[in-house]
């Protein structure tokens, strides 16, 4: 089957069309993998592996798992452990920059969303 809508990312893998959504997996989202459900052109899409616990993004994730381009373990880690609690963010913000830089390699901060928070904190600390 052919996609209904144009999708300009050459790193994405087309997974099929479901309920008028073109579904994709992308391994080049900057912080890891993601799934995309496109329902129109340009900004008309929804995405995020961390949001794929249900709905159309769950269907995209399941299709990516079936094709072997996303492991069920990676999907579970993204969906069920995506956020750093606010108390942890506060604690991280108070750490010396050298300690904060070391954390970017720790497995417990593997999800893209958590790494993004960590890098944002690091950037803000370096700027001040």
Protein backbone atom coordinates (compact mmCIF):
# COMPACT_ATOMS: atom_id res chain seq x y z
CA UNK A 1 0.00 0.00 0.00
CA UNK A 2 1.09 3.55 -0.75
CA UNK A 3 1.01 6.44 1.81
CA UNK A 4 -1.91 8.86 1.59
CA UNK A 5 0.21 11.91 2.44
CA UNK A 6 3.67 13.15 1.56
CA UNK A 7 6.25 12.59 4.31
CA UNK A 8 9.62 14.23 3.75
CA UNK A 9 11.86 12.39 6.25
CA UNK A 10 14.12 9.96 4.42
CA UNK A 11 15.01 8.22 7.70
CA UNK A 12 11.43 7.08 8.33
CA UNK A 13 10.13 3.63 7.54
CA UNK A 14 6.57 3.51 6.25
CA UNK A 15 4.56 0.99 8.29
CA UNK A 16 1.26 1.18 6.43
CA UNK A 17 -1.98 3.15 6.57
CA UNK A 18 -4.55 2.59 9.30
CA UNK A 19 -7.82 4.55 9.81
CA UNK A 20 -6.67 7.30 7.38
CA UNK A 21 -3.31 7.71 9.19
CA UNK A 22 0.01 6.97 7.49
CA UNK A 23 2.18 5.26 10.11
CA UNK A 24 5.95 5.56 10.32
CA UNK A 25 8.88 4.57 12.51
CA UNK A 26 11.83 6.94 12.66
CA UNK A 27 15.21 6.06 14.15
CA UNK A 28 16.59 9.57 13.74
CA UNK A 29 14.64 11.71 16.19
CA UNK A 30 17.74 13.09 17.91
CA UNK A 31 17.12 11.25 21.17
CA UNK A 32 16.25 7.78 19.91
CA UNK A 33 13.35 6.19 18.09
CA UNK A 34 9.85 7.48 17.58
CA UNK A 35 6.60 6.59 15.84
CA UNK A 36 4.55 8.96 13.71
CA UNK A 37 0.91 8.99 12.62
CA UNK A 38 0.39 11.41 9.73
CA UNK A 39 -3.18 12.52 8.95
CA UNK A 40 -2.45 15.36 6.52
CA UNK A 41 0.32 17.48 5.05
CA UNK A 42 2.98 19.58 6.80
CA UNK A 43 2.30 19.78 10.55
CA UNK A 44 -0.68 17.41 10.40
CA UNK A 45 0.73 14.51 12.37
CA UNK A 46 1.11 13.19 15.88
CA UNK A 47 4.25 11.51 17.15
CA UNK A 48 6.12 10.25 20.16
CA UNK A 49 7.06 6.79 21.34
CA UNK A 50 6.37 7.96 24.90
CA UNK A 51 2.75 8.61 23.88
CA UNK A 52 2.22 5.21 22.22
CA UNK A 53 0.57 3.47 25.15
CA UNK A 54 -2.73 3.56 23.26
CA UNK A 55 -4.52 4.88 20.20
CA UNK A 56 -3.06 5.25 16.73
CA UNK A 57 0.52 5.61 18.00
CA UNK A 58 0.16 2.24 19.75
CA UNK A 59 -0.83 0.73 16.40
CA UNK A 60 2.26 2.31 14.81
CA UNK A 61 4.47 0.94 17.60
CA UNK A 62 2.98 -2.55 17.24
CA UNK A 63 3.58 -2.48 13.48
CA UNK A 64 7.21 -1.40 14.04
CA UNK A 65 7.64 -4.25 16.56
CA UNK A 66 6.12 -6.72 14.07
CA UNK A 67 8.58 -5.56 11.39
CA UNK A 68 11.50 -5.99 13.81
CA UNK A 69 12.63 -2.35 13.71
CA UNK A 70 11.53 -1.61 17.28
CA UNK A 71 12.03 -4.02 20.15
CA UNK A 72 9.19 -4.56 22.59
CA UNK A 73 11.67 -3.89 25.42
CA UNK A 74 12.62 -0.46 24.01
CA UNK A 75 8.92 0.34 23.52
CA UNK A 76 8.12 -0.60 27.13
CA UNK A 77 11.00 1.50 28.46
CA UNK A 78 9.77 4.53 26.53
CA UNK A 79 6.10 4.18 27.44
CA UNK A 80 6.39 3.18 31.07
CA UNK A 81 9.51 5.10 32.18
CA UNK A 82 9.64 8.30 30.12
CA UNK A 83 9.74 11.02 32.74
CA UNK A 84 12.07 12.23 35.42
CA UNK A 85 9.97 13.19 38.48
CA UNK A 86 10.00 16.90 39.32
CA UNK A 87 11.82 16.26 42.61
CA UNK A 88 14.60 14.58 40.62
CA UNK A 89 14.75 17.50 38.16
CA UNK A 90 15.19 19.89 41.11
CA UNK A 91 17.98 17.71 42.52
CA UNK A 92 19.71 17.49 39.13
CA UNK A 93 19.55 21.25 38.68
CA UNK A 94 21.52 21.69 41.90
CA UNK A 95 24.35 19.32 40.90
CA UNK A 96 27.72 20.69 39.79
CA UNK A 97 28.05 20.74 35.98
CA UNK A 98 30.76 18.06 36.07
CA UNK A 99 28.40 15.64 37.86
CA UNK A 100 25.54 16.50 35.53
CA UNK A 101 27.66 15.78 32.44
CA UNK A 102 28.43 12.30 33.80
CA UNK A 103 24.72 11.50 34.06
CA UNK A 104 24.13 11.80 30.30
CA UNK A 105 25.71 8.34 29.95
CA UNK A 106 23.66 6.59 32.65
CA UNK A 107 21.19 3.93 31.48
CA UNK A 108 18.44 5.12 33.84
CA UNK A 109 18.13 8.26 31.71
CA UNK A 110 17.86 6.37 28.42
CA UNK A 111 14.47 7.57 27.26
CA UNK A 112 14.53 10.49 24.86
CA UNK A 113 12.28 12.68 26.97
CA UNK A 114 14.43 12.21 30.07
CA UNK A 115 17.64 12.90 28.15
CA UNK A 116 16.10 16.04 26.68
CA UNK A 117 15.31 17.31 30.20
CA UNK A 118 18.83 16.47 31.31
CA UNK A 119 20.43 18.29 28.36
CA UNK A 120 18.16 21.32 28.87
CA UNK A 121 19.23 21.53 32.51
CA UNK A 122 22.87 21.19 31.47
CA UNK A 123 22.54 23.94 28.82
CA UNK A 124 20.84 26.31 31.28
CA UNK A 125 23.49 25.70 33.92
CA UNK A 126 26.34 26.29 31.45
CA UNK A 127 24.69 29.52 30.25
CA UNK A 128 24.44 30.97 33.76
